[in-house]
Every structure is written in C-alpha cells, then in structure tokens.
Amino acid sequence: MTDLHEMALELADEKLKKVTRLTVVDEDGRSYERWFKEGERLQYQFQDDGQTLKIFVSKHNWEL
C-alpha cells in the first residue's frame, strides 16, 4: 500500500490534468488570466525553501 503523501501527490496530479485556465487574483481583481492551448498542462514547483511557487504552462512535461 502507498503512503498518504504519495496518494495526495497522485490526486493533485489528476486534478491538475483537468485544469484549462489559470487565473491570478489580487486586490484589484483578476490581474492575470490565461486559457490553455490544446495539449498544454499546468505543473508547479516550490522553491526557495517553500517561499516561491513557480507555475509552468506548456506542452513540455517538466518531470517535477
């Protein structure tokens, strides 16, 4: 049986595969919005000891 962390990562990956739009909202409302093109997908990565969240949108599989 897999551990809970691995199960959570698998669930997050499945949910991210369904995402077709990225929206960033700040105090002024929508500051950025992007609809994905055919074949693009969202992936993310935490950096700088968890202080930076990088979001990648492309057809490339970054193997995070």
N, C-alpha and C. Protein backbone atom coordinates (compact mmCIF):
# COMPACT_ATOMS: atom_id res chain seq x y z
N MET A 1 0.84 -1.18 0.00
CA MET A 1 0.00 0.00 0.00
C MET A 1 0.89 1.25 0.00
N THR A 2 0.47 2.27 -0.75
CA THR A 2 1.25 3.51 -0.81
C THR A 2 0.94 4.37 0.41
N ASP A 3 1.87 5.26 0.75
CA ASP A 3 1.65 6.13 1.91
C ASP A 3 0.73 7.31 1.53
N LEU A 4 0.27 8.04 2.52
CA LEU A 4 -0.67 9.14 2.30
C LEU A 4 -0.08 10.25 1.45
N HIS A 5 1.20 10.55 1.63
CA HIS A 5 1.84 11.59 0.84
C HIS A 5 1.81 11.25 -0.64
N GLU A 6 2.15 10.03 -0.97
CA GLU A 6 2.14 9.59 -2.37
C GLU A 6 0.72 9.64 -2.94
N MET A 7 -0.24 9.24 -2.15
CA MET A 7 -1.64 9.29 -2.60
C MET A 7 -2.07 10.73 -2.85
N ALA A 8 -1.67 11.65 -1.98
CA ALA A 8 -2.02 13.06 -2.15
C ALA A 8 -1.39 13.63 -3.42
N LEU A 9 -0.15 13.27 -3.70
CA LEU A 9 0.51 13.74 -4.92
C LEU A 9 -0.19 13.21 -6.17
N GLU A 10 -0.61 11.97 -6.14
CA GLU A 10 -1.31 11.38 -7.27
C GLU A 10 -2.66 12.07 -7.49
N LEU A 11 -3.36 12.37 -6.41
CA LEU A 11 -4.65 13.06 -6.51
C LEU A 11 -4.46 14.46 -7.07
N ALA A 12 -3.45 15.18 -6.59
CA ALA A 12 -3.18 16.53 -7.09
C ALA A 12 -2.84 16.50 -8.57
N ASP A 13 -2.05 15.53 -9.00
CA ASP A 13 -1.68 15.41 -10.41
C ASP A 13 -2.91 15.16 -11.26
N GLU A 14 -3.82 14.31 -10.80
CA GLU A 14 -5.05 14.03 -11.55
C GLU A 14 -5.91 15.29 -11.66
N LYS A 15 -6.01 16.07 -10.59
CA LYS A 15 -6.79 17.31 -10.63
C LYS A 15 -6.15 18.34 -11.56
N LEU A 16 -4.83 18.45 -11.54
CA LEU A 16 -4.15 19.41 -12.40
C LEU A 16 -4.32 19.09 -13.87
N LYS A 17 -4.47 17.82 -14.21
CA LYS A 17 -4.65 17.44 -15.62
C LYS A 17 -5.96 17.99 -16.18
N LYS A 18 -6.93 18.29 -15.33
CA LYS A 18 -8.23 18.81 -15.77
C LYS A 18 -8.24 20.33 -15.94
N VAL A 19 -7.23 21.03 -15.40
CA VAL A 19 -7.21 22.49 -15.42
C VAL A 19 -7.02 22.99 -16.85
N THR A 20 -7.86 23.95 -17.27
CA THR A 20 -7.76 24.54 -18.60
C THR A 20 -7.59 26.05 -18.56
N ARG A 21 -7.57 26.63 -17.36
CA ARG A 21 -7.42 28.08 -17.24
C ARG A 21 -6.68 28.40 -15.95
N LEU A 22 -5.78 29.36 -16.03
CA LEU A 22 -5.04 29.84 -14.87
C LEU A 22 -5.44 31.29 -14.62
N THR A 23 -5.90 31.60 -13.42
CA THR A 23 -6.30 32.95 -13.06
C THR A 23 -5.58 33.36 -11.78
N VAL A 24 -4.99 34.55 -11.81
CA VAL A 24 -4.36 35.13 -10.62
C VAL A 24 -5.20 36.32 -10.22
N VAL A 25 -5.63 36.35 -8.95
CA VAL A 25 -6.49 37.41 -8.45
C VAL A 25 -5.75 38.16 -7.35
N ASP A 26 -5.75 39.49 -7.43
CA ASP A 26 -5.18 40.30 -6.37
C ASP A 26 -6.23 41.31 -5.89
N GLU A 27 -5.82 42.31 -5.13
CA GLU A 27 -6.78 43.25 -4.56
C GLU A 27 -7.52 44.06 -5.62
N ASP A 28 -6.99 44.12 -6.84
CA ASP A 28 -7.65 44.84 -7.94
C ASP A 28 -8.52 43.94 -8.80
N GLY A 29 -8.60 42.67 -8.45
CA GLY A 29 -9.38 41.71 -9.24
C GLY A 29 -8.46 40.78 -10.00
N ARG A 30 -8.91 40.36 -11.18
CA ARG A 30 -8.09 39.46 -12.00
C ARG A 30 -6.91 40.23 -12.56
N SER A 31 -5.72 39.87 -12.13
CA SER A 31 -4.53 40.54 -12.65
C SER A 31 -3.91 39.75 -13.80
N TYR A 32 -4.24 38.46 -13.90
CA TYR A 32 -3.71 37.63 -14.99
C TYR A 32 -4.66 36.49 -15.22
N GLU A 33 -4.94 36.21 -16.50
CA GLU A 33 -5.76 35.06 -16.83
C GLU A 33 -5.26 34.48 -18.15
N ARG A 34 -5.17 33.18 -18.19
CA ARG A 34 -4.69 32.50 -19.40
C ARG A 34 -5.43 31.20 -19.59
N TRP A 35 -6.05 31.08 -20.76
CA TRP A 35 -6.67 29.81 -21.16
C TRP A 35 -5.60 28.97 -21.83
N PHE A 36 -5.57 27.69 -21.54
CA PHE A 36 -4.55 26.81 -22.09
C PHE A 36 -4.88 26.44 -23.53
N LYS A 37 -3.84 26.28 -24.32
CA LYS A 37 -3.99 25.81 -25.69
C LYS A 37 -4.07 24.29 -25.68
N GLU A 38 -4.47 23.72 -26.79
CA GLU A 38 -4.58 22.27 -26.92
C GLU A 38 -3.27 21.60 -26.54
N GLY A 39 -3.32 20.63 -25.65
CA GLY A 39 -2.14 19.87 -25.25
C GLY A 39 -1.32 20.48 -24.12
N GLU A 40 -1.61 21.72 -23.73
CA GLU A 40 -0.87 22.34 -22.64
C GLU A 40 -1.40 21.84 -21.31
N ARG A 41 -0.54 21.88 -20.31
CA ARG A 41 -0.97 21.49 -18.97
C ARG A 41 -0.23 22.32 -17.94
N LEU A 42 -0.77 22.31 -16.75
CA LEU A 42 -0.21 23.07 -15.64
C LEU A 42 0.61 22.15 -14.76
N GLN A 43 1.79 22.63 -14.39
CA GLN A 43 2.62 21.95 -13.40
C GLN A 43 3.17 23.02 -12.46
N TYR A 44 3.55 22.64 -11.27
CA TYR A 44 4.04 23.62 -10.32
C TYR A 44 5.26 23.08 -9.58
N GLN A 45 5.96 24.02 -8.96
CA GLN A 45 7.17 23.65 -8.21
C GLN A 45 7.37 24.68 -7.10
N PHE A 46 7.67 24.21 -5.90
CA PHE A 46 8.01 25.10 -4.80
C PHE A 46 9.52 25.25 -4.77
N GLN A 47 9.99 26.49 -4.56
CA GLN A 47 11.43 26.76 -4.50
C GLN A 47 11.71 27.70 -3.33
N ASP A 48 12.96 27.97 -3.09
CA ASP A 48 13.40 28.89 -2.04
C ASP A 48 12.83 28.52 -0.67
N ASP A 49 13.03 27.26 -0.30
CA ASP A 49 12.52 26.76 0.98
C ASP A 49 11.02 26.99 1.14
N GLY A 50 10.28 26.83 0.04
CA GLY A 50 8.83 26.95 0.08
C GLY A 50 8.30 28.37 -0.02
N GLN A 51 9.18 29.34 -0.24
CA GLN A 51 8.74 30.73 -0.31
C GLN A 51 8.34 31.17 -1.71
N THR A 52 8.69 30.39 -2.72
CA THR A 52 8.36 30.72 -4.11
C THR A 52 7.55 29.58 -4.72
N LEU A 53 6.46 29.93 -5.37
CA LEU A 53 5.66 28.97 -6.13
C LEU A 53 5.82 29.30 -7.60
N LYS A 54 6.40 28.37 -8.37
CA LYS A 54 6.53 28.54 -9.82
C LYS A 54 5.45 27.72 -10.49
N ILE A 55 4.80 28.32 -11.47
CA ILE A 55 3.76 27.64 -12.24
C ILE A 55 4.22 27.58 -13.69
N PHE A 56 4.17 26.38 -14.25
CA PHE A 56 4.57 26.16 -15.63
C PHE A 56 3.33 25.79 -16.44
N VAL A 57 3.18 26.43 -17.59
CA VAL A 57 2.10 26.09 -18.52
C VAL A 57 2.75 25.82 -19.87
N SER A 58 2.73 24.58 -20.29
CA SER A 58 3.32 24.25 -21.59
C SER A 58 2.96 22.81 -21.96
N LYS A 59 3.36 22.43 -23.14
CA LYS A 59 3.17 21.05 -23.59
C LYS A 59 4.30 20.15 -23.08
N HIS A 60 5.36 20.78 -22.58
CA HIS A 60 6.52 20.06 -22.08
C HIS A 60 6.18 19.39 -20.75
N ASN A 61 6.65 18.19 -20.53
CA ASN A 61 6.49 17.51 -19.24
C ASN A 61 7.76 17.76 -18.44
N TRP A 62 7.67 18.60 -17.42
CA TRP A 62 8.84 19.02 -16.64
C TRP A 62 9.33 17.94 -15.69
N GLU A 63 8.58 16.84 -15.53
CA GLU A 63 9.01 15.76 -14.61
C GLU A 63 9.35 16.30 -13.24
N LEU A 64 8.40 16.98 -12.63
CA LEU A 64 8.65 17.60 -11.33
C LEU A 64 8.72 16.57 -10.24
